Amino acid sequence: MDCHNELLHRRARQGGFTLIEILIVVFIIGLLAALVGPQLFKRVGGAKQKMARTQIEVLGTALDTYRLDVGQYPSSEQGLTALVTQPGDVQTWDGPYLRKDVPADPWGSQYIYRSPGEHGEYDLLSLGADKAEGGEGENQDVASWEN
C-alpha cells in the first residue's frame, strides 16, 4: 500500500505544465500567427484574382461561340443567362454554351456584362472583393479587356 501512495505522490509532483510554460507556448503561437497569417491571406486573395480571370476567359469563349451561332453577342438586357437559356427572340441559338449556370465571381457577386461594351464588343468584369470600381490587391477589378 505504501508503494502505491508513493507512486501517486510522484505522479502528482511531475504532472502538468506551469503557468509560465503555457504563457510562453501561447506567445510563440501568437507570434507565428502574426508573421505567417498575412502571407497566407495574400495568397488567398491572389488565387481569387486568378480564378476570376479564368472564369472571365471561359465566359468569353462561351460568348464567342454564342456569337458564331446567333451572329451577335447577347444584349445587355439578355445578359449572360443567354448562354444557358435561349432568349425568346433568338432562332439560331444552339446552346447551352455553359455546362452549368453562370457562375458568380469568387467574391459571390454576379459578373457585370455590357454589350455593346465601352472597351470592345462586350465588357465583362468583376469588381473584386470590395465590390466597387478600382482598388488594389484583392479589391482590384478583373476585366475582359485586361486579360
N, C-alpha and C. Protein backbone atom coordinates (compact mmCIF):
# COMPACT_ATOMS: atom_id res chain seq x y z
N MET A 1 0.81 -1.18 0.00
CA MET A 1 0.00 0.00 0.00
C MET A 1 0.86 1.26 0.00
N ASP A 2 1.98 1.25 0.75
CA ASP A 2 2.87 2.40 0.79
C ASP A 2 3.46 2.66 -0.59
N CYS A 3 3.76 1.62 -1.28
CA CYS A 3 4.32 1.75 -2.64
C CYS A 3 3.33 2.43 -3.56
N HIS A 4 2.07 2.09 -3.42
CA HIS A 4 1.02 2.69 -4.24
C HIS A 4 0.88 4.19 -3.96
N ASN A 5 0.88 4.59 -2.69
CA ASN A 5 0.78 6.01 -2.31
C ASN A 5 1.99 6.79 -2.78
N GLU A 6 3.16 6.19 -2.69
CA GLU A 6 4.38 6.86 -3.13
C GLU A 6 4.33 7.12 -4.64
N LEU A 7 3.79 6.17 -5.40
CA LEU A 7 3.67 6.31 -6.85
C LEU A 7 2.70 7.44 -7.19
N LEU A 8 1.60 7.56 -6.47
CA LEU A 8 0.64 8.63 -6.71
C LEU A 8 1.24 9.99 -6.40
N HIS A 9 2.01 10.12 -5.32
CA HIS A 9 2.64 11.39 -4.97
C HIS A 9 3.68 11.79 -6.00
N ARG A 10 4.44 10.81 -6.53
CA ARG A 10 5.46 11.11 -7.51
C ARG A 10 4.81 11.63 -8.81
N ARG A 11 3.70 11.01 -9.22
CA ARG A 11 2.98 11.46 -10.43
C ARG A 11 2.41 12.86 -10.23
N ALA A 12 1.90 13.16 -9.09
CA ALA A 12 1.32 14.47 -8.82
C ALA A 12 2.38 15.56 -8.90
N ARG A 13 3.60 15.27 -8.43
CA ARG A 13 4.68 16.26 -8.49
C ARG A 13 5.19 16.46 -9.91
N GLN A 14 5.15 15.45 -10.75
CA GLN A 14 5.69 15.53 -12.10
C GLN A 14 4.68 16.05 -13.12
N GLY A 15 3.41 15.87 -12.94
CA GLY A 15 2.39 16.14 -13.95
C GLY A 15 2.11 17.62 -14.15
N GLY A 16 1.60 17.95 -15.38
CA GLY A 16 1.14 19.29 -15.69
C GLY A 16 2.23 20.27 -16.09
N PHE A 17 1.79 21.38 -16.65
CA PHE A 17 2.68 22.45 -17.06
C PHE A 17 2.50 23.63 -16.11
N THR A 18 3.54 24.40 -15.96
CA THR A 18 3.42 25.60 -15.14
C THR A 18 2.75 26.70 -15.98
N LEU A 19 2.25 27.70 -15.32
CA LEU A 19 1.61 28.81 -16.00
C LEU A 19 2.60 29.52 -16.92
N ILE A 20 3.83 29.64 -16.50
CA ILE A 20 4.86 30.29 -17.32
C ILE A 20 5.07 29.51 -18.62
N GLU A 21 5.14 28.21 -18.53
CA GLU A 21 5.34 27.38 -19.73
C GLU A 21 4.17 27.55 -20.71
N ILE A 22 2.97 27.56 -20.19
CA ILE A 22 1.79 27.73 -21.05
C ILE A 22 1.80 29.10 -21.71
N LEU A 23 2.15 30.15 -20.95
CA LEU A 23 2.20 31.50 -21.50
C LEU A 23 3.26 31.62 -22.60
N ILE A 24 4.40 30.98 -22.41
CA ILE A 24 5.45 31.01 -23.43
C ILE A 24 4.98 30.34 -24.71
N VAL A 25 4.32 29.20 -24.60
CA VAL A 25 3.81 28.49 -25.78
C VAL A 25 2.75 29.34 -26.50
N VAL A 26 1.83 29.94 -25.74
CA VAL A 26 0.80 30.79 -26.34
C VAL A 26 1.44 31.99 -27.04
N PHE A 27 2.46 32.58 -26.43
CA PHE A 27 3.16 33.71 -27.04
C PHE A 27 3.82 33.30 -28.35
N ILE A 28 4.47 32.16 -28.37
CA ILE A 28 5.14 31.68 -29.59
C ILE A 28 4.12 31.41 -30.70
N ILE A 29 3.00 30.79 -30.36
CA ILE A 29 1.94 30.54 -31.35
C ILE A 29 1.39 31.85 -31.89
N GLY A 30 1.16 32.81 -31.02
CA GLY A 30 0.68 34.13 -31.46
C GLY A 30 1.66 34.83 -32.37
N LEU A 31 2.93 34.73 -32.04
CA LEU A 31 3.98 35.33 -32.87
C LEU A 31 4.02 34.70 -34.25
N LEU A 32 3.94 33.39 -34.31
CA LEU A 32 3.92 32.69 -35.60
C LEU A 32 2.68 33.07 -36.42
N ALA A 33 1.54 33.14 -35.77
CA ALA A 33 0.31 33.52 -36.48
C ALA A 33 0.41 34.93 -37.02
N ALA A 34 1.03 35.83 -36.27
CA ALA A 34 1.18 37.22 -36.73
C ALA A 34 2.13 37.32 -37.91
N LEU A 35 3.11 36.47 -37.97
CA LEU A 35 4.07 36.50 -39.07
C LEU A 35 3.58 35.76 -40.31
N VAL A 36 2.95 34.61 -40.12
CA VAL A 36 2.56 33.75 -41.23
C VAL A 36 1.17 34.09 -41.76
N GLY A 37 0.25 34.49 -40.90
CA GLY A 37 -1.14 34.75 -41.30
C GLY A 37 -1.29 35.71 -42.46
N PRO A 38 -0.69 36.90 -42.42
CA PRO A 38 -0.86 37.84 -43.54
C PRO A 38 -0.35 37.28 -44.87
N GLN A 39 0.70 36.50 -44.84
CA GLN A 39 1.22 35.90 -46.08
C GLN A 39 0.21 34.92 -46.67
N LEU A 40 -0.46 34.16 -45.81
CA LEU A 40 -1.46 33.22 -46.29
C LEU A 40 -2.66 33.96 -46.90
N PHE A 41 -3.09 35.05 -46.26
CA PHE A 41 -4.22 35.80 -46.78
C PHE A 41 -3.89 36.45 -48.12
N LYS A 42 -2.64 36.87 -48.33
CA LYS A 42 -2.24 37.42 -49.62
C LYS A 42 -2.38 36.38 -50.71
N ARG A 43 -2.01 35.15 -50.40
CA ARG A 43 -2.11 34.07 -51.39
C ARG A 43 -3.57 33.76 -51.72
N VAL A 44 -4.43 33.80 -50.74
CA VAL A 44 -5.86 33.55 -50.99
C VAL A 44 -6.41 34.63 -51.90
N GLY A 45 -6.09 35.90 -51.64
CA GLY A 45 -6.56 36.99 -52.48
C GLY A 45 -6.06 36.85 -53.91
N GLY A 46 -4.80 36.48 -54.08
CA GLY A 46 -4.23 36.29 -55.41
C GLY A 46 -4.89 35.14 -56.14
N ALA A 47 -5.22 34.08 -55.41
CA ALA A 47 -5.89 32.93 -56.02
C ALA A 47 -7.29 33.32 -56.52
N LYS A 48 -7.98 34.15 -55.76
CA LYS A 48 -9.32 34.59 -56.20
C LYS A 48 -9.22 35.47 -57.44
N GLN A 49 -8.20 36.30 -57.52
CA GLN A 49 -7.99 37.13 -58.72
C GLN A 49 -7.77 36.23 -59.94
N LYS A 50 -6.93 35.21 -59.78
CA LYS A 50 -6.66 34.27 -60.87
C LYS A 50 -7.92 33.51 -61.27
N MET A 51 -8.72 33.11 -60.28
CA MET A 51 -9.96 32.39 -60.57
C MET A 51 -10.92 33.29 -61.36
N ALA A 52 -11.01 34.56 -60.99
CA ALA A 52 -11.89 35.49 -61.71
C ALA A 52 -11.42 35.64 -63.16
N ARG A 53 -10.10 35.76 -63.38
CA ARG A 53 -9.58 35.87 -64.75
C ARG A 53 -9.93 34.63 -65.57
N THR A 54 -9.77 33.46 -64.94
CA THR A 54 -10.08 32.20 -65.63
C THR A 54 -11.57 32.12 -65.97
N GLN A 55 -12.43 32.48 -65.02
CA GLN A 55 -13.87 32.44 -65.28
C GLN A 55 -14.24 33.42 -66.40
N ILE A 56 -13.62 34.59 -66.43
CA ILE A 56 -13.91 35.56 -67.48
C ILE A 56 -13.48 35.01 -68.83
N GLU A 57 -12.36 34.30 -68.88
CA GLU A 57 -11.92 33.69 -70.14
C GLU A 57 -12.90 32.62 -70.59
N VAL A 58 -13.38 31.79 -69.67
CA VAL A 58 -14.36 30.74 -70.02
C VAL A 58 -15.65 31.38 -70.51
N LEU A 59 -16.12 32.42 -69.80
CA LEU A 59 -17.33 33.11 -70.24
C LEU A 59 -17.12 33.77 -71.60
N GLY A 60 -15.93 34.30 -71.84
CA GLY A 60 -15.61 34.90 -73.13
C GLY A 60 -15.66 33.89 -74.26
N THR A 61 -15.16 32.69 -74.03
CA THR A 61 -15.23 31.62 -75.03
C THR A 61 -16.68 31.25 -75.31
N ALA A 62 -17.49 31.15 -74.26
CA ALA A 62 -18.92 30.84 -74.45
C ALA A 62 -19.61 31.96 -75.22
N LEU A 63 -19.27 33.21 -74.91
CA LEU A 63 -19.85 34.35 -75.63
C LEU A 63 -19.47 34.32 -77.11
N ASP A 64 -18.20 33.97 -77.40
CA ASP A 64 -17.76 33.88 -78.80
C ASP A 64 -18.51 32.77 -79.55
N THR A 65 -18.74 31.65 -78.90
CA THR A 65 -19.50 30.56 -79.52
C THR A 65 -20.93 30.99 -79.77
N TYR A 66 -21.53 31.67 -78.82
CA TYR A 66 -22.88 32.22 -78.98
C TYR A 66 -22.93 33.12 -80.21
N ARG A 67 -21.94 34.01 -80.32
CA ARG A 67 -21.90 34.95 -81.45
C ARG A 67 -21.78 34.21 -82.78
N LEU A 68 -21.00 33.12 -82.82
CA LEU A 68 -20.88 32.34 -84.05
C LEU A 68 -22.23 31.76 -84.46
N ASP A 69 -23.00 31.30 -83.49
CA ASP A 69 -24.32 30.71 -83.80
C ASP A 69 -25.38 31.75 -84.11
N VAL A 70 -25.40 32.82 -83.35
CA VAL A 70 -26.50 33.79 -83.42
C VAL A 70 -26.17 34.96 -84.34
N GLY A 71 -24.89 35.28 -84.48
CA GLY A 71 -24.49 36.40 -85.32
C GLY A 71 -24.16 37.66 -84.55
N GLN A 72 -24.40 37.66 -83.26
CA GLN A 72 -24.08 38.80 -82.40
C GLN A 72 -24.00 38.31 -80.96
N TYR A 73 -23.36 39.14 -80.14
CA TYR A 73 -23.30 38.81 -78.72
C TYR A 73 -24.66 39.08 -78.09
N PRO A 74 -24.96 38.43 -76.95
CA PRO A 74 -26.21 38.75 -76.26
C PRO A 74 -26.23 40.23 -75.89
N SER A 75 -27.39 40.82 -75.89
CA SER A 75 -27.51 42.22 -75.49
C SER A 75 -27.31 42.32 -73.97
N SER A 76 -27.12 43.53 -73.50
CA SER A 76 -27.00 43.74 -72.05
C SER A 76 -28.26 43.27 -71.34
N GLU A 77 -29.41 43.47 -71.96
CA GLU A 77 -30.68 43.05 -71.36
C GLU A 77 -30.77 41.53 -71.28
N GLN A 78 -30.31 40.83 -72.32
CA GLN A 78 -30.34 39.37 -72.29
C GLN A 78 -29.33 38.85 -71.27
N GLY A 79 -28.20 39.52 -71.18
CA GLY A 79 -27.18 39.18 -70.19
C GLY A 79 -26.55 37.82 -70.42
N LEU A 80 -25.80 37.40 -69.43
CA LEU A 80 -25.09 36.13 -69.51
C LEU A 80 -26.02 34.93 -69.42
N THR A 81 -27.24 35.12 -68.96
CA THR A 81 -28.19 34.00 -68.91
C THR A 81 -28.52 33.49 -70.30
N ALA A 82 -28.27 34.31 -71.33
CA ALA A 82 -28.49 33.86 -72.71
C ALA A 82 -27.54 32.73 -73.08
N LEU A 83 -26.49 32.54 -72.30
CA LEU A 83 -25.56 31.44 -72.54
C LEU A 83 -26.12 30.11 -72.04
N VAL A 84 -27.11 30.17 -71.17
CA VAL A 84 -27.67 28.97 -70.56
C VAL A 84 -29.12 28.73 -71.01
N THR A 85 -29.87 29.82 -71.17
CA THR A 85 -31.29 29.73 -71.53
C THR A 85 -31.51 30.51 -72.81
N GLN A 86 -32.18 29.90 -73.76
CA GLN A 86 -32.41 30.55 -75.05
C GLN A 86 -33.33 31.76 -74.91
N PRO A 87 -32.84 32.92 -75.37
CA PRO A 87 -33.72 34.09 -75.39
C PRO A 87 -34.88 33.84 -76.37
N GLY A 88 -36.05 34.34 -76.04
CA GLY A 88 -37.23 34.08 -76.84
C GLY A 88 -37.15 34.55 -78.28
N ASP A 89 -36.42 35.62 -78.56
CA ASP A 89 -36.38 36.18 -79.90
C ASP A 89 -35.17 35.70 -80.72
N VAL A 90 -34.45 34.69 -80.26
CA VAL A 90 -33.26 34.20 -80.96
C VAL A 90 -33.56 32.82 -81.53
N GLN A 91 -33.51 32.70 -82.87
CA GLN A 91 -33.87 31.45 -83.53
C GLN A 91 -32.69 30.49 -83.70
N THR A 92 -31.48 31.02 -83.90
CA THR A 92 -30.34 30.16 -84.23
C THR A 92 -29.50 29.78 -83.01
N TRP A 93 -30.06 29.95 -81.84
CA TRP A 93 -29.39 29.58 -80.59
C TRP A 93 -29.15 28.08 -80.58
N ASP A 94 -27.93 27.64 -80.24
CA ASP A 94 -27.61 26.22 -80.22
C ASP A 94 -26.95 25.85 -78.90
N GLY A 95 -27.42 26.43 -77.82
CA GLY A 95 -26.81 26.22 -76.51
C GLY A 95 -27.43 25.07 -75.77
N PRO A 96 -27.18 24.95 -74.54
CA PRO A 96 -26.49 25.91 -73.69
C PRO A 96 -24.98 25.94 -73.98
N TYR A 97 -24.39 27.10 -73.76
CA TYR A 97 -22.99 27.33 -74.03
C TYR A 97 -22.11 27.16 -72.79
N LEU A 98 -22.74 26.93 -71.67
CA LEU A 98 -22.04 26.62 -70.42
C LEU A 98 -22.60 25.32 -69.87
N ARG A 99 -21.76 24.53 -69.24
CA ARG A 99 -22.21 23.25 -68.68
C ARG A 99 -23.13 23.44 -67.47
N LYS A 100 -22.89 24.52 -66.73
CA LYS A 100 -23.68 24.81 -65.53
C LYS A 100 -24.21 26.22 -65.65
N ASP A 101 -24.89 26.67 -64.61
CA ASP A 101 -25.38 28.05 -64.58
C ASP A 101 -24.21 29.03 -64.62
N VAL A 102 -24.51 30.27 -64.94
CA VAL A 102 -23.48 31.32 -64.97
C VAL A 102 -22.92 31.45 -63.55
N PRO A 103 -21.61 31.32 -63.39
CA PRO A 103 -21.04 31.37 -62.04
C PRO A 103 -20.99 32.79 -61.49
N ALA A 104 -21.02 32.88 -60.19
CA ALA A 104 -20.74 34.16 -59.52
C ALA A 104 -19.23 34.32 -59.49
N ASP A 105 -18.77 35.54 -59.30
CA ASP A 105 -17.32 35.74 -59.19
C ASP A 105 -16.84 35.15 -57.85
N PRO A 106 -15.54 35.04 -57.64
CA PRO A 106 -15.03 34.40 -56.42
C PRO A 106 -15.45 35.09 -55.12
N TRP A 107 -15.98 36.31 -55.21
CA TRP A 107 -16.42 37.03 -54.00
C TRP A 107 -17.93 36.98 -53.84
N GLY A 108 -18.60 36.17 -54.67
CA GLY A 108 -20.03 35.96 -54.53
C GLY A 108 -20.93 36.94 -55.27
N SER A 109 -20.37 37.80 -56.09
CA SER A 109 -21.16 38.77 -56.85
C SER A 109 -21.32 38.28 -58.29
N GLN A 110 -22.33 38.81 -58.97
CA GLN A 110 -22.51 38.49 -60.38
C GLN A 110 -21.52 39.28 -61.22
N TYR A 111 -21.05 38.69 -62.30
CA TYR A 111 -20.20 39.42 -63.23
C TYR A 111 -21.02 40.50 -63.91
N ILE A 112 -20.40 41.61 -64.20
CA ILE A 112 -21.06 42.71 -64.91
C ILE A 112 -20.82 42.50 -66.40
N TYR A 113 -21.91 42.48 -67.17
CA TYR A 113 -21.83 42.26 -68.61
C TYR A 113 -22.53 43.41 -69.33
N ARG A 114 -21.83 43.99 -70.30
CA ARG A 114 -22.40 45.07 -71.12
C ARG A 114 -22.11 44.79 -72.59
N SER A 115 -23.14 44.86 -73.40
CA SER A 115 -22.96 44.71 -74.84
C SER A 115 -23.95 45.64 -75.54
N PRO A 116 -23.45 46.54 -76.33
CA PRO A 116 -22.06 46.75 -76.69
C PRO A 116 -21.29 47.33 -75.50
N GLY A 117 -19.99 47.03 -75.49
CA GLY A 117 -19.15 47.46 -74.38
C GLY A 117 -18.45 48.77 -74.66
N GLU A 118 -17.84 49.32 -73.65
CA GLU A 118 -17.06 50.54 -73.79
C GLU A 118 -15.63 50.24 -74.24
N HIS A 119 -15.20 48.98 -74.07
CA HIS A 119 -13.83 48.59 -74.38
C HIS A 119 -13.74 47.57 -75.50
N GLY A 120 -14.85 47.21 -76.09
CA GLY A 120 -14.90 46.20 -77.14
C GLY A 120 -16.34 45.89 -77.46
N GLU A 121 -16.55 44.77 -78.15
CA GLU A 121 -17.92 44.40 -78.49
C GLU A 121 -18.75 44.09 -77.25
N TYR A 122 -18.07 43.64 -76.19
CA TYR A 122 -18.72 43.46 -74.89
C TYR A 122 -17.71 43.75 -73.79
N ASP A 123 -18.20 44.11 -72.65
CA ASP A 123 -17.38 44.27 -71.44
C ASP A 123 -17.87 43.25 -70.42
N LEU A 124 -16.93 42.58 -69.80
CA LEU A 124 -17.25 41.59 -68.77
C LEU A 124 -16.28 41.83 -67.62
N LEU A 125 -16.80 42.08 -66.43
CA LEU A 125 -15.89 42.37 -65.33
C LEU A 125 -16.44 41.97 -63.97
N SER A 126 -15.49 41.80 -63.04
CA SER A 126 -15.77 41.59 -61.63
C SER A 126 -15.18 42.78 -60.90
N LEU A 127 -15.88 43.27 -59.90
CA LEU A 127 -15.42 44.43 -59.14
C LEU A 127 -14.47 44.07 -58.01
N GLY A 128 -14.15 42.79 -57.84
CA GLY A 128 -13.22 42.38 -56.79
C GLY A 128 -13.87 42.28 -55.43
N ALA A 129 -13.04 42.16 -54.42
CA ALA A 129 -13.54 41.91 -53.06
C ALA A 129 -14.34 43.07 -52.50
N ASP A 130 -13.99 44.31 -52.88
CA ASP A 130 -14.68 45.47 -52.31
C ASP A 130 -15.98 45.81 -53.03
N LYS A 131 -16.26 45.13 -54.15
CA LYS A 131 -17.49 45.33 -54.92
C LYS A 131 -17.68 46.78 -55.36
N ALA A 132 -16.54 47.47 -55.57
CA ALA A 132 -16.55 48.85 -56.04
C ALA A 132 -15.48 49.00 -57.11
N GLU A 133 -15.68 49.94 -58.01
CA GLU A 133 -14.72 50.12 -59.10
C GLU A 133 -13.37 50.56 -58.56
N GLY A 134 -12.31 50.10 -59.24
CA GLY A 134 -10.95 50.43 -58.84
C GLY A 134 -10.46 49.52 -57.74
N GLY A 135 -9.43 49.95 -57.07
CA GLY A 135 -8.88 49.18 -55.96
C GLY A 135 -7.57 48.53 -56.31
N GLU A 136 -6.93 48.00 -55.29
CA GLU A 136 -5.65 47.32 -55.43
C GLU A 136 -5.71 45.97 -54.74
N GLY A 137 -4.81 45.09 -55.11
CA GLY A 137 -4.76 43.77 -54.49
C GLY A 137 -6.04 43.01 -54.76
N GLU A 138 -6.62 42.46 -53.70
CA GLU A 138 -7.84 41.68 -53.85
C GLU A 138 -9.04 42.55 -54.23
N ASN A 139 -8.96 43.85 -53.99
CA ASN A 139 -10.04 44.77 -54.34
C ASN A 139 -9.98 45.21 -55.81
N GLN A 140 -8.92 44.87 -56.50
CA GLN A 140 -8.75 45.30 -57.89
C GLN A 140 -9.78 44.64 -58.79
N ASP A 141 -10.30 45.41 -59.74
CA ASP A 141 -11.25 44.89 -60.71
C ASP A 141 -10.55 43.91 -61.65
N VAL A 142 -11.30 42.91 -62.11
CA VAL A 142 -10.80 41.97 -63.12
C VAL A 142 -11.71 42.13 -64.32
N ALA A 143 -11.14 42.46 -65.48
CA ALA A 143 -11.96 42.80 -66.64
C ALA A 143 -11.50 42.04 -67.88
N SER A 144 -12.44 41.79 -68.78
CA SER A 144 -12.16 41.05 -70.01
C SER A 144 -11.18 41.77 -70.91
N TRP A 145 -11.17 43.08 -70.93
CA TRP A 145 -10.30 43.82 -71.82
C TRP A 145 -8.87 43.93 -71.27
N GLU A 146 -8.64 43.45 -70.06
CA GLU A 146 -7.30 43.48 -69.47
C GLU A 146 -6.62 42.14 -69.50
N ASN A 147 -7.30 41.11 -69.97
CA ASN A 147 -6.69 39.76 -70.00
C ASN A 147 -5.78 39.61 -71.17
